[in-house]
């Protein structure tokens, strides 16, 4: 932790660093995913022939949440046209390293078949052809028909009302308890539901 603090400030990141922490080619301020993806894509695309068919591999180095990996992969694919995508997945990790790894493979004769060949390696995700998600209409569910003979039990209703009143009265106490372990809004949420 000490070395990391000496090397980079809280609001900095490194692009192109090694898996063992070797210095990268660029140290910069934290930036949006699209800006980072553009920088990575532009750097990598210089290493392949223009217009070549590419396979892109996106790896999680250890502690990037799945949602962030998906966002980053989406951003990368905006800046490079990939015939195949491998990942995002934990392909080579370094414990809790918070970063991504991106590799490009310029496809030549026979590589596509090898990339798509079945394998017994359980951690290897299948290469897929990236595509836009298809939006599917979701039919609206018809509202339930009103009950012909609704049953009303005054004892049950009184018990529920009493419980709701108790929740409303305990709003401050529940918020205080929740504030010790959470965000302090449990009582307010319960009150809203009880009202």
N, C-alpha and C. Protein backbone atom coordinates (compact mmCIF):
# COMPACT_ATOMS: atom_id res chain seq x y z
N UNK A 1 0.83 -1.19 0.00
CA UNK A 1 0.00 0.00 0.00
C UNK A 1 0.86 1.25 0.00
N UNK A 2 1.95 1.24 0.77
CA UNK A 2 2.84 2.39 0.83
C UNK A 2 3.43 2.73 -0.53
N UNK A 3 3.89 1.71 -1.27
CA UNK A 3 4.48 1.93 -2.59
C UNK A 3 3.45 2.51 -3.55
N UNK A 4 2.22 1.99 -3.45
CA UNK A 4 1.17 2.49 -4.34
C UNK A 4 0.90 3.97 -4.06
N UNK A 5 0.88 4.35 -2.80
CA UNK A 5 0.63 5.74 -2.45
C UNK A 5 1.76 6.64 -2.93
N UNK A 6 3.00 6.14 -2.87
CA UNK A 6 4.13 6.94 -3.34
C UNK A 6 4.08 7.10 -4.86
N UNK A 7 3.62 6.06 -5.55
CA UNK A 7 3.66 6.04 -7.01
C UNK A 7 2.52 6.82 -7.65
N UNK A 8 1.32 6.74 -7.05
CA UNK A 8 0.17 7.38 -7.67
C UNK A 8 -0.70 8.05 -6.62
N UNK A 9 -1.31 9.16 -7.01
CA UNK A 9 -2.26 9.84 -6.13
C UNK A 9 -3.61 9.13 -6.22
N UNK A 10 -4.50 9.44 -5.30
CA UNK A 10 -5.83 8.83 -5.24
C UNK A 10 -6.60 9.01 -6.55
N UNK A 11 -6.39 10.14 -7.22
CA UNK A 11 -7.16 10.44 -8.43
C UNK A 11 -6.41 10.12 -9.71
N UNK A 12 -5.38 9.25 -9.61
CA UNK A 12 -4.59 8.89 -10.79
C UNK A 12 -4.76 7.42 -11.15
N UNK A 13 -4.45 7.11 -12.39
CA UNK A 13 -4.46 5.74 -12.88
C UNK A 13 -3.29 5.58 -13.84
N UNK A 14 -2.98 4.32 -14.14
CA UNK A 14 -1.90 4.04 -15.06
C UNK A 14 -2.44 3.20 -16.21
N UNK A 15 -2.04 3.51 -17.41
CA UNK A 15 -2.45 2.75 -18.59
C UNK A 15 -1.22 2.01 -19.09
N UNK A 16 -1.39 0.72 -19.33
CA UNK A 16 -0.31 -0.08 -19.88
C UNK A 16 0.63 -0.68 -18.85
N UNK A 17 0.24 -0.67 -17.59
CA UNK A 17 1.14 -1.23 -16.58
C UNK A 17 1.18 -2.75 -16.65
N UNK A 18 2.21 -3.33 -16.08
CA UNK A 18 2.37 -4.78 -16.09
C UNK A 18 1.59 -5.45 -14.98
N UNK A 19 1.33 -6.72 -15.13
CA UNK A 19 0.56 -7.50 -14.15
C UNK A 19 1.25 -7.52 -12.79
N UNK A 20 2.57 -7.35 -12.78
CA UNK A 20 3.30 -7.35 -11.50
C UNK A 20 3.55 -5.93 -11.01
N UNK A 21 2.86 -4.96 -11.60
CA UNK A 21 3.00 -3.58 -11.16
C UNK A 21 4.07 -2.80 -11.89
N UNK A 22 4.61 -3.35 -12.98
CA UNK A 22 5.60 -2.60 -13.75
C UNK A 22 4.95 -1.32 -14.27
N UNK A 23 5.70 -0.23 -14.31
CA UNK A 23 5.13 1.06 -14.74
C UNK A 23 4.51 0.98 -16.13
N UNK A 24 3.44 1.71 -16.32
CA UNK A 24 2.76 1.75 -17.60
C UNK A 24 3.33 2.80 -18.52
N UNK A 25 2.75 2.92 -19.71
CA UNK A 25 3.26 3.92 -20.65
C UNK A 25 2.67 5.30 -20.38
N UNK A 26 1.61 5.36 -19.56
CA UNK A 26 0.99 6.65 -19.31
C UNK A 26 0.34 6.67 -17.94
N UNK A 27 0.66 7.70 -17.17
CA UNK A 27 0.00 7.96 -15.90
C UNK A 27 -0.92 9.15 -16.14
N UNK A 28 -2.18 9.04 -15.70
CA UNK A 28 -3.14 10.11 -15.98
C UNK A 28 -4.18 10.20 -14.88
N UNK A 29 -4.94 11.27 -14.89
CA UNK A 29 -6.04 11.43 -13.95
C UNK A 29 -7.12 10.41 -14.30
N UNK A 30 -7.88 9.97 -13.29
CA UNK A 30 -9.00 9.08 -13.54
C UNK A 30 -9.91 9.72 -14.58
N UNK A 31 -10.46 8.91 -15.46
CA UNK A 31 -11.26 9.43 -16.57
C UNK A 31 -12.46 8.52 -16.81
N UNK A 32 -13.46 9.00 -17.56
CA UNK A 32 -14.61 8.15 -17.90
C UNK A 32 -14.18 6.95 -18.73
N UNK A 33 -14.96 5.89 -18.65
CA UNK A 33 -14.66 4.64 -19.36
C UNK A 33 -14.45 4.87 -20.85
N UNK A 34 -15.28 5.70 -21.48
CA UNK A 34 -15.15 5.93 -22.93
C UNK A 34 -13.81 6.56 -23.28
N UNK A 35 -13.34 7.48 -22.44
CA UNK A 35 -12.05 8.12 -22.71
C UNK A 35 -10.90 7.12 -22.57
N UNK A 36 -10.97 6.29 -21.54
CA UNK A 36 -9.93 5.29 -21.31
C UNK A 36 -9.95 4.26 -22.45
N UNK A 37 -11.15 3.82 -22.82
CA UNK A 37 -11.29 2.83 -23.90
C UNK A 37 -10.73 3.38 -25.21
N UNK A 38 -10.99 4.65 -25.49
CA UNK A 38 -10.48 5.26 -26.72
C UNK A 38 -8.95 5.28 -26.72
N UNK A 39 -8.35 5.64 -25.59
CA UNK A 39 -6.89 5.66 -25.48
C UNK A 39 -6.31 4.26 -25.68
N UNK A 40 -6.90 3.26 -25.03
CA UNK A 40 -6.43 1.87 -25.17
C UNK A 40 -6.59 1.40 -26.62
N UNK A 41 -7.78 1.64 -27.19
CA UNK A 41 -8.05 1.18 -28.56
C UNK A 41 -7.08 1.83 -29.55
N UNK A 42 -6.89 3.14 -29.44
CA UNK A 42 -5.99 3.83 -30.36
C UNK A 42 -4.57 3.29 -30.26
N UNK A 43 -4.13 3.01 -29.04
CA UNK A 43 -2.77 2.48 -28.84
C UNK A 43 -2.63 1.09 -29.44
N UNK A 44 -3.62 0.22 -29.20
CA UNK A 44 -3.53 -1.15 -29.69
C UNK A 44 -3.73 -1.24 -31.20
N UNK A 45 -4.61 -0.41 -31.74
CA UNK A 45 -4.88 -0.48 -33.18
C UNK A 45 -3.68 -0.09 -34.02
N UNK A 46 -2.73 0.63 -33.43
CA UNK A 46 -1.49 0.97 -34.15
C UNK A 46 -0.63 -0.26 -34.40
N UNK A 47 -0.90 -1.34 -33.67
CA UNK A 47 -0.06 -2.54 -33.78
C UNK A 47 -0.59 -3.56 -34.79
N UNK A 48 -1.75 -3.29 -35.39
CA UNK A 48 -2.34 -4.23 -36.35
C UNK A 48 -2.60 -3.53 -37.67
N UNK A 49 -2.82 -4.32 -38.71
CA UNK A 49 -3.11 -3.76 -40.03
C UNK A 49 -4.49 -3.11 -40.03
N UNK A 50 -4.60 -1.98 -40.68
CA UNK A 50 -5.88 -1.28 -40.80
C UNK A 50 -6.88 -2.16 -41.55
N UNK A 51 -8.07 -2.30 -41.01
CA UNK A 51 -9.12 -3.09 -41.67
C UNK A 51 -9.01 -4.59 -41.46
N UNK A 52 -8.01 -5.04 -40.72
CA UNK A 52 -7.85 -6.49 -40.48
C UNK A 52 -8.96 -7.00 -39.57
N UNK A 53 -9.31 -8.28 -39.72
CA UNK A 53 -10.24 -8.92 -38.80
C UNK A 53 -9.53 -9.11 -37.47
N UNK A 54 -10.22 -8.75 -36.38
CA UNK A 54 -9.59 -8.78 -35.06
C UNK A 54 -10.39 -9.61 -34.07
N UNK A 55 -9.67 -10.23 -33.16
CA UNK A 55 -10.27 -10.81 -31.97
C UNK A 55 -9.80 -9.94 -30.81
N UNK A 56 -10.72 -9.56 -29.93
CA UNK A 56 -10.40 -8.73 -28.78
C UNK A 56 -10.64 -9.55 -27.53
N UNK A 57 -9.64 -9.57 -26.65
CA UNK A 57 -9.77 -10.28 -25.37
C UNK A 57 -9.76 -9.23 -24.26
N UNK A 58 -10.76 -9.30 -23.38
CA UNK A 58 -10.87 -8.36 -22.27
C UNK A 58 -10.86 -9.15 -20.97
N UNK A 59 -9.82 -8.89 -20.17
CA UNK A 59 -9.66 -9.63 -18.91
C UNK A 59 -9.76 -8.74 -17.69
N UNK A 60 -10.32 -9.31 -16.64
CA UNK A 60 -10.40 -8.65 -15.33
C UNK A 60 -9.16 -9.05 -14.56
N UNK A 61 -8.36 -8.09 -14.12
CA UNK A 61 -7.12 -8.41 -13.42
C UNK A 61 -7.33 -8.83 -11.97
N UNK A 62 -8.58 -8.85 -11.50
CA UNK A 62 -8.80 -9.38 -10.17
C UNK A 62 -9.97 -8.81 -9.40
N UNK A 63 -10.15 -7.49 -9.41
CA UNK A 63 -11.19 -6.96 -8.52
C UNK A 63 -12.11 -5.94 -9.17
N UNK A 64 -12.21 -5.94 -10.48
CA UNK A 64 -13.15 -5.03 -11.13
C UNK A 64 -14.53 -5.68 -11.10
N UNK A 65 -15.55 -4.97 -10.60
CA UNK A 65 -16.90 -5.56 -10.54
C UNK A 65 -17.42 -5.89 -11.94
N UNK A 66 -18.25 -6.92 -12.06
CA UNK A 66 -18.78 -7.33 -13.38
C UNK A 66 -19.46 -6.20 -14.14
N UNK A 67 -20.21 -5.34 -13.46
CA UNK A 67 -20.88 -4.24 -14.14
C UNK A 67 -19.86 -3.30 -14.80
N UNK A 68 -18.77 -3.00 -14.09
CA UNK A 68 -17.74 -2.13 -14.65
C UNK A 68 -17.02 -2.81 -15.81
N UNK A 69 -16.82 -4.13 -15.71
CA UNK A 69 -16.19 -4.85 -16.82
C UNK A 69 -17.07 -4.78 -18.07
N UNK A 70 -18.37 -4.93 -17.88
CA UNK A 70 -19.30 -4.85 -19.02
C UNK A 70 -19.30 -3.46 -19.63
N UNK A 71 -19.31 -2.43 -18.78
CA UNK A 71 -19.29 -1.06 -19.28
C UNK A 71 -18.01 -0.79 -20.07
N UNK A 72 -16.88 -1.25 -19.52
CA UNK A 72 -15.60 -1.01 -20.19
C UNK A 72 -15.53 -1.76 -21.52
N UNK A 73 -16.01 -2.99 -21.53
CA UNK A 73 -16.00 -3.78 -22.77
C UNK A 73 -16.87 -3.11 -23.82
N UNK A 74 -18.03 -2.63 -23.41
CA UNK A 74 -18.91 -1.91 -24.34
C UNK A 74 -18.20 -0.69 -24.91
N UNK A 75 -17.51 0.06 -24.05
CA UNK A 75 -16.78 1.25 -24.51
C UNK A 75 -15.67 0.86 -25.47
N UNK A 76 -14.94 -0.21 -25.17
CA UNK A 76 -13.86 -0.65 -26.06
C UNK A 76 -14.41 -1.00 -27.44
N UNK A 77 -15.55 -1.70 -27.48
CA UNK A 77 -16.10 -2.14 -28.75
C UNK A 77 -16.64 -0.97 -29.58
N UNK A 78 -16.86 0.18 -28.96
CA UNK A 78 -17.24 1.37 -29.71
C UNK A 78 -16.05 1.91 -30.51
N UNK A 79 -14.85 1.63 -30.01
CA UNK A 79 -13.64 2.22 -30.60
C UNK A 79 -12.83 1.23 -31.43
N UNK A 80 -13.20 -0.05 -31.43
CA UNK A 80 -12.50 -1.02 -32.27
C UNK A 80 -13.50 -2.05 -32.77
N UNK A 81 -13.41 -2.36 -34.04
CA UNK A 81 -14.33 -3.33 -34.64
C UNK A 81 -13.75 -4.72 -34.45
N UNK A 82 -14.45 -5.52 -33.67
CA UNK A 82 -13.97 -6.87 -33.38
C UNK A 82 -14.84 -7.91 -34.08
N UNK A 83 -14.20 -8.85 -34.73
CA UNK A 83 -14.94 -9.97 -35.31
C UNK A 83 -15.31 -10.94 -34.21
N UNK A 84 -14.40 -11.09 -33.23
CA UNK A 84 -14.66 -11.97 -32.09
C UNK A 84 -14.29 -11.26 -30.80
N UNK A 85 -15.01 -11.62 -29.75
CA UNK A 85 -14.74 -11.09 -28.41
C UNK A 85 -14.55 -12.27 -27.46
N UNK A 86 -13.48 -12.22 -26.70
CA UNK A 86 -13.24 -13.20 -25.64
C UNK A 86 -13.32 -12.43 -24.33
N UNK A 87 -14.28 -12.78 -23.49
CA UNK A 87 -14.48 -12.07 -22.23
C UNK A 87 -15.65 -11.12 -22.35
N UNK A 88 -15.78 -10.24 -21.38
CA UNK A 88 -14.89 -9.99 -20.25
C UNK A 88 -14.91 -11.17 -19.28
N UNK A 89 -13.73 -11.49 -18.77
CA UNK A 89 -13.60 -12.63 -17.85
C UNK A 89 -12.32 -12.50 -17.05
N UNK A 90 -12.23 -13.27 -15.99
CA UNK A 90 -11.01 -13.33 -15.18
C UNK A 90 -10.07 -14.33 -15.83
N UNK A 91 -9.25 -13.86 -16.76
CA UNK A 91 -8.37 -14.73 -17.54
C UNK A 91 -6.99 -14.87 -16.91
N UNK A 92 -6.45 -13.77 -16.42
CA UNK A 92 -5.19 -13.78 -15.70
C UNK A 92 -5.30 -12.72 -14.62
N UNK A 93 -5.28 -13.15 -13.38
CA UNK A 93 -5.53 -12.21 -12.30
C UNK A 93 -4.30 -12.07 -11.40
N UNK A 94 -4.29 -10.99 -10.66
CA UNK A 94 -3.24 -10.74 -9.69
C UNK A 94 -3.92 -10.35 -8.38
N UNK A 95 -4.53 -11.34 -7.74
CA UNK A 95 -5.27 -11.15 -6.49
C UNK A 95 -6.29 -10.04 -6.62
N UNK A 96 -6.09 -8.93 -5.93
CA UNK A 96 -7.10 -7.88 -5.93
C UNK A 96 -6.75 -6.70 -6.82
N UNK A 97 -6.01 -6.94 -7.89
CA UNK A 97 -5.61 -5.85 -8.77
C UNK A 97 -6.83 -5.25 -9.45
N UNK A 98 -7.01 -3.95 -9.29
CA UNK A 98 -8.17 -3.27 -9.85
C UNK A 98 -7.81 -2.72 -11.22
N UNK A 99 -8.01 -3.54 -12.23
CA UNK A 99 -7.67 -3.11 -13.58
C UNK A 99 -8.16 -4.09 -14.61
N UNK A 100 -8.02 -3.69 -15.86
CA UNK A 100 -8.42 -4.56 -16.96
C UNK A 100 -7.22 -4.82 -17.85
N UNK A 101 -7.32 -5.88 -18.62
CA UNK A 101 -6.28 -6.24 -19.58
C UNK A 101 -6.97 -6.39 -20.93
N UNK A 102 -6.42 -5.77 -21.95
CA UNK A 102 -7.01 -5.84 -23.30
C UNK A 102 -5.93 -6.32 -24.25
N UNK A 103 -6.26 -7.34 -25.04
CA UNK A 103 -5.33 -7.86 -26.06
C UNK A 103 -6.05 -7.90 -27.40
N UNK A 104 -5.30 -7.64 -28.45
CA UNK A 104 -5.81 -7.74 -29.82
C UNK A 104 -5.09 -8.86 -30.54
N UNK A 105 -5.82 -9.61 -31.30
CA UNK A 105 -5.23 -10.64 -32.15
C UNK A 105 -5.68 -10.36 -33.57
N UNK A 106 -4.71 -10.12 -34.45
CA UNK A 106 -5.05 -9.95 -35.87
C UNK A 106 -5.22 -11.34 -36.44
N UNK A 107 -6.43 -11.62 -36.92
CA UNK A 107 -6.75 -12.97 -37.39
C UNK A 107 -6.12 -13.22 -38.75
N UNK A 108 -5.41 -14.31 -38.83
CA UNK A 108 -4.86 -14.73 -40.12
C UNK A 108 -5.43 -16.12 -40.41
N UNK A 109 -5.04 -16.69 -41.50
CA UNK A 109 -5.60 -17.97 -41.93
C UNK A 109 -5.47 -19.04 -40.83
N UNK A 110 -6.57 -19.67 -40.52
CA UNK A 110 -6.56 -20.76 -39.53
C UNK A 110 -6.77 -20.30 -38.09
N UNK A 111 -6.52 -19.04 -37.80
CA UNK A 111 -6.65 -18.58 -36.41
C UNK A 111 -8.10 -18.61 -35.93
N UNK A 112 -9.01 -18.27 -36.83
CA UNK A 112 -10.43 -18.23 -36.46
C UNK A 112 -10.89 -19.62 -36.00
N UNK A 113 -10.50 -20.66 -36.74
CA UNK A 113 -10.90 -22.02 -36.37
C UNK A 113 -10.29 -22.41 -35.03
N UNK A 114 -9.04 -22.02 -34.80
CA UNK A 114 -8.39 -22.36 -33.52
C UNK A 114 -9.04 -21.61 -32.37
N UNK A 115 -9.41 -20.37 -32.63
CA UNK A 115 -10.03 -19.56 -31.58
C UNK A 115 -11.41 -20.11 -31.20
N UNK A 116 -12.12 -20.66 -32.17
CA UNK A 116 -13.46 -21.18 -31.94
C UNK A 116 -13.48 -22.66 -31.58
N UNK A 117 -12.34 -23.31 -31.60
CA UNK A 117 -12.28 -24.75 -31.33
C UNK A 117 -12.69 -25.05 -29.89
N UNK A 118 -13.37 -26.18 -29.67
CA UNK A 118 -13.75 -26.56 -28.31
C UNK A 118 -12.49 -26.80 -27.46
N UNK A 119 -12.62 -26.53 -26.17
CA UNK A 119 -11.50 -26.74 -25.26
C UNK A 119 -12.00 -27.28 -23.93
N UNK A 120 -11.14 -28.00 -23.24
CA UNK A 120 -11.48 -28.52 -21.91
C UNK A 120 -11.09 -27.53 -20.82
N UNK A 121 -10.46 -26.41 -21.19
CA UNK A 121 -10.06 -25.41 -20.19
C UNK A 121 -11.31 -24.71 -19.67
N UNK A 122 -11.65 -24.99 -18.42
CA UNK A 122 -12.91 -24.48 -17.86
C UNK A 122 -12.94 -22.96 -17.73
N UNK A 123 -11.81 -22.33 -17.50
CA UNK A 123 -11.80 -20.88 -17.29
C UNK A 123 -11.84 -20.09 -18.59
N UNK A 124 -11.67 -20.75 -19.73
CA UNK A 124 -11.63 -20.05 -21.00
C UNK A 124 -13.04 -19.80 -21.50
N UNK A 125 -13.43 -18.53 -21.63
CA UNK A 125 -14.76 -18.25 -22.17
C UNK A 125 -14.76 -18.44 -23.67
N UNK A 126 -15.85 -18.83 -24.21
CA UNK A 126 -15.94 -19.02 -25.66
C UNK A 126 -15.83 -17.66 -26.36
N UNK A 127 -15.18 -17.67 -27.51
CA UNK A 127 -15.14 -16.45 -28.33
C UNK A 127 -16.52 -16.28 -28.95
N UNK A 128 -17.01 -15.05 -28.94
CA UNK A 128 -18.34 -14.78 -29.50
C UNK A 128 -18.23 -13.65 -30.50
N UNK A 129 -19.21 -13.56 -31.37
CA UNK A 129 -19.30 -12.44 -32.29
C UNK A 129 -20.07 -11.33 -31.58
N UNK A 130 -19.44 -10.18 -31.34
CA UNK A 130 -20.16 -9.11 -30.65
C UNK A 130 -21.35 -8.64 -31.47
N UNK A 131 -22.43 -8.36 -30.80
CA UNK A 131 -23.62 -7.86 -31.49
C UNK A 131 -24.40 -6.96 -30.55
N UNK A 132 -25.20 -6.11 -31.14
CA UNK A 132 -26.06 -5.23 -30.36
C UNK A 132 -27.16 -6.08 -29.72
N UNK A 133 -27.53 -5.76 -28.49
CA UNK A 133 -28.63 -6.51 -27.89
C UNK A 133 -29.93 -6.26 -28.65
N UNK A 134 -30.77 -7.26 -28.71
CA UNK A 134 -32.05 -7.14 -29.38
C UNK A 134 -33.10 -6.75 -28.34
N UNK A 135 -33.78 -5.65 -28.60
CA UNK A 135 -34.85 -5.25 -27.71
C UNK A 135 -36.09 -6.07 -28.03
N UNK A 136 -36.66 -6.64 -27.00
CA UNK A 136 -37.85 -7.47 -27.20
C UNK A 136 -39.02 -6.83 -26.46
N UNK A 137 -40.14 -6.67 -27.14
CA UNK A 137 -41.30 -6.09 -26.45
C UNK A 137 -41.79 -7.03 -25.37
N UNK A 138 -42.11 -6.46 -24.26
CA UNK A 138 -42.66 -7.23 -23.14
C UNK A 138 -44.15 -6.94 -23.06
N UNK A 139 -44.98 -7.97 -23.23
CA UNK A 139 -46.42 -7.71 -23.18
C UNK A 139 -46.82 -7.25 -21.78
N UNK A 140 -47.69 -6.26 -21.74
CA UNK A 140 -48.17 -5.79 -20.45
C UNK A 140 -49.14 -6.81 -19.88
N UNK A 141 -48.99 -7.03 -18.60
CA UNK A 141 -49.86 -7.97 -17.92
C UNK A 141 -51.18 -7.27 -17.62
N UNK A 142 -52.26 -7.93 -17.91
CA UNK A 142 -53.57 -7.34 -17.61
C UNK A 142 -53.72 -7.17 -16.10
N UNK A 143 -54.32 -6.04 -15.68
CA UNK A 143 -54.50 -5.86 -14.23
C UNK A 143 -55.44 -6.93 -13.69
N UNK A 144 -55.22 -7.31 -12.43
CA UNK A 144 -56.10 -8.35 -11.87
C UNK A 144 -57.54 -7.84 -11.79
N UNK A 145 -58.45 -8.75 -12.04
CA UNK A 145 -59.88 -8.40 -11.96
C UNK A 145 -60.25 -8.16 -10.50
N UNK A 146 -61.12 -7.19 -10.27
CA UNK A 146 -61.54 -6.97 -8.88
C UNK A 146 -62.24 -8.21 -8.33
N UNK A 147 -62.01 -8.44 -7.03
CA UNK A 147 -62.65 -9.60 -6.39
C UNK A 147 -64.16 -9.40 -6.37
N UNK A 148 -64.86 -10.46 -6.69
CA UNK A 148 -66.33 -10.39 -6.70
C UNK A 148 -66.87 -10.20 -5.29
N UNK A 149 -66.34 -10.95 -4.36
CA UNK A 149 -66.80 -10.89 -2.97
C UNK A 149 -65.59 -10.69 -2.06
N UNK A 150 -65.05 -9.46 -1.98
CA UNK A 150 -63.86 -9.27 -1.15
C UNK A 150 -64.16 -9.57 0.32
N UNK A 151 -63.20 -10.21 0.96
CA UNK A 151 -63.35 -10.55 2.37
C UNK A 151 -62.61 -9.49 3.17
N UNK A 152 -63.26 -9.00 4.22
CA UNK A 152 -62.62 -7.99 5.07
C UNK A 152 -62.68 -8.51 6.49
N UNK A 153 -61.48 -8.67 7.05
CA UNK A 153 -61.38 -9.15 8.42
C UNK A 153 -60.89 -7.98 9.27
N UNK A 154 -61.76 -7.45 10.10
CA UNK A 154 -61.44 -6.26 10.89
C UNK A 154 -60.31 -6.52 11.88
N UNK A 155 -60.18 -7.73 12.40
CA UNK A 155 -59.11 -8.04 13.36
C UNK A 155 -57.75 -8.00 12.66
N UNK A 156 -57.68 -8.57 11.49
CA UNK A 156 -56.42 -8.55 10.73
C UNK A 156 -56.08 -7.12 10.34
N UNK A 157 -57.08 -6.36 9.87
CA UNK A 157 -56.85 -4.97 9.49
C UNK A 157 -56.35 -4.15 10.69
N UNK A 158 -56.92 -4.36 11.86
CA UNK A 158 -56.49 -3.63 13.06
C UNK A 158 -55.05 -3.99 13.43
N UNK A 159 -54.68 -5.25 13.28
CA UNK A 159 -53.31 -5.69 13.59
C UNK A 159 -52.31 -5.04 12.63
N UNK A 160 -52.66 -5.00 11.35
CA UNK A 160 -51.78 -4.38 10.36
C UNK A 160 -51.65 -2.89 10.62
N UNK A 161 -52.76 -2.21 10.94
CA UNK A 161 -52.71 -0.78 11.24
C UNK A 161 -51.83 -0.51 12.46
N UNK A 162 -51.94 -1.36 13.47
CA UNK A 162 -51.14 -1.19 14.69
C UNK A 162 -49.64 -1.35 14.37
N UNK A 163 -49.32 -2.33 13.53
CA UNK A 163 -47.92 -2.54 13.14
C UNK A 163 -47.39 -1.34 12.35
N UNK A 164 -48.23 -0.80 11.47
CA UNK A 164 -47.82 0.37 10.68
C UNK A 164 -47.61 1.58 11.59
N UNK A 165 -48.48 1.78 12.55
CA UNK A 165 -48.33 2.89 13.49
C UNK A 165 -47.04 2.75 14.29
N UNK A 166 -46.72 1.51 14.69
CA UNK A 166 -45.49 1.27 15.46
C UNK A 166 -44.25 1.59 14.60
N UNK A 167 -44.30 1.22 13.32
CA UNK A 167 -43.18 1.54 12.42
C UNK A 167 -43.03 3.05 12.25
N UNK A 168 -44.14 3.74 12.10
CA UNK A 168 -44.09 5.20 11.93
C UNK A 168 -43.51 5.84 13.20
N UNK A 169 -43.94 5.36 14.36
CA UNK A 169 -43.46 5.92 15.63
C UNK A 169 -41.97 5.63 15.84
N UNK A 170 -41.46 4.55 15.26
CA UNK A 170 -40.06 4.15 15.47
C UNK A 170 -39.12 4.67 14.38
N UNK A 171 -39.60 5.58 13.54
CA UNK A 171 -38.80 6.08 12.41
C UNK A 171 -37.41 6.54 12.84
N UNK A 172 -37.34 7.44 13.83
CA UNK A 172 -36.05 7.99 14.26
C UNK A 172 -35.14 6.91 14.82
N UNK A 173 -35.70 6.04 15.64
CA UNK A 173 -34.89 4.97 16.26
C UNK A 173 -34.33 4.02 15.19
N UNK A 174 -35.16 3.65 14.21
CA UNK A 174 -34.69 2.76 13.14
C UNK A 174 -33.63 3.43 12.28
N UNK A 175 -33.82 4.73 11.99
CA UNK A 175 -32.80 5.46 11.23
C UNK A 175 -31.48 5.50 11.98
N UNK A 176 -31.56 5.72 13.29
CA UNK A 176 -30.34 5.79 14.11
C UNK A 176 -29.62 4.44 14.11
N UNK A 177 -30.36 3.35 14.29
CA UNK A 177 -29.74 2.02 14.27
C UNK A 177 -29.12 1.72 12.90
N UNK A 178 -29.87 2.04 11.85
CA UNK A 178 -29.37 1.79 10.50
C UNK A 178 -28.15 2.65 10.19
N UNK A 179 -28.07 3.82 10.77
CA UNK A 179 -26.93 4.70 10.56
C UNK A 179 -25.64 4.12 11.10
N UNK A 180 -25.73 3.17 12.02
CA UNK A 180 -24.52 2.55 12.58
C UNK A 180 -23.94 1.48 11.65
N UNK A 181 -24.78 0.91 10.80
CA UNK A 181 -24.31 -0.16 9.91
C UNK A 181 -24.65 0.09 8.44
N UNK A 182 -25.42 1.11 8.16
CA UNK A 182 -25.84 1.33 6.77
C UNK A 182 -25.93 2.81 6.47
N UNK A 183 -26.94 3.16 5.67
CA UNK A 183 -27.04 4.55 5.23
C UNK A 183 -28.02 5.38 6.04
N UNK A 184 -28.62 4.81 7.08
CA UNK A 184 -29.44 5.58 8.01
C UNK A 184 -30.82 5.95 7.52
N UNK A 185 -31.37 5.18 6.57
CA UNK A 185 -32.70 5.54 6.08
C UNK A 185 -33.73 4.44 6.26
N UNK A 186 -33.41 3.42 7.03
CA UNK A 186 -34.32 2.29 7.20
C UNK A 186 -35.67 2.74 7.78
N UNK A 187 -35.61 3.58 8.83
CA UNK A 187 -36.85 4.06 9.45
C UNK A 187 -37.70 4.85 8.48
N UNK A 188 -37.07 5.72 7.71
CA UNK A 188 -37.82 6.54 6.74
C UNK A 188 -38.46 5.66 5.67
N UNK A 189 -37.73 4.63 5.24
CA UNK A 189 -38.26 3.71 4.23
C UNK A 189 -39.46 2.95 4.80
N UNK A 190 -39.31 2.45 6.03
CA UNK A 190 -40.42 1.72 6.67
C UNK A 190 -41.63 2.63 6.87
N UNK A 191 -41.38 3.88 7.26
CA UNK A 191 -42.47 4.84 7.46
C UNK A 191 -43.23 5.07 6.15
N UNK A 192 -42.46 5.23 5.08
CA UNK A 192 -43.09 5.47 3.77
C UNK A 192 -43.99 4.29 3.39
N UNK A 193 -43.51 3.07 3.62
CA UNK A 193 -44.32 1.89 3.32
C UNK A 193 -45.54 1.79 4.23
N UNK A 194 -45.37 2.15 5.49
CA UNK A 194 -46.47 2.03 6.45
C UNK A 194 -47.56 3.05 6.20
N UNK A 195 -47.18 4.21 5.66
CA UNK A 195 -48.18 5.24 5.38
C UNK A 195 -49.01 4.86 4.16
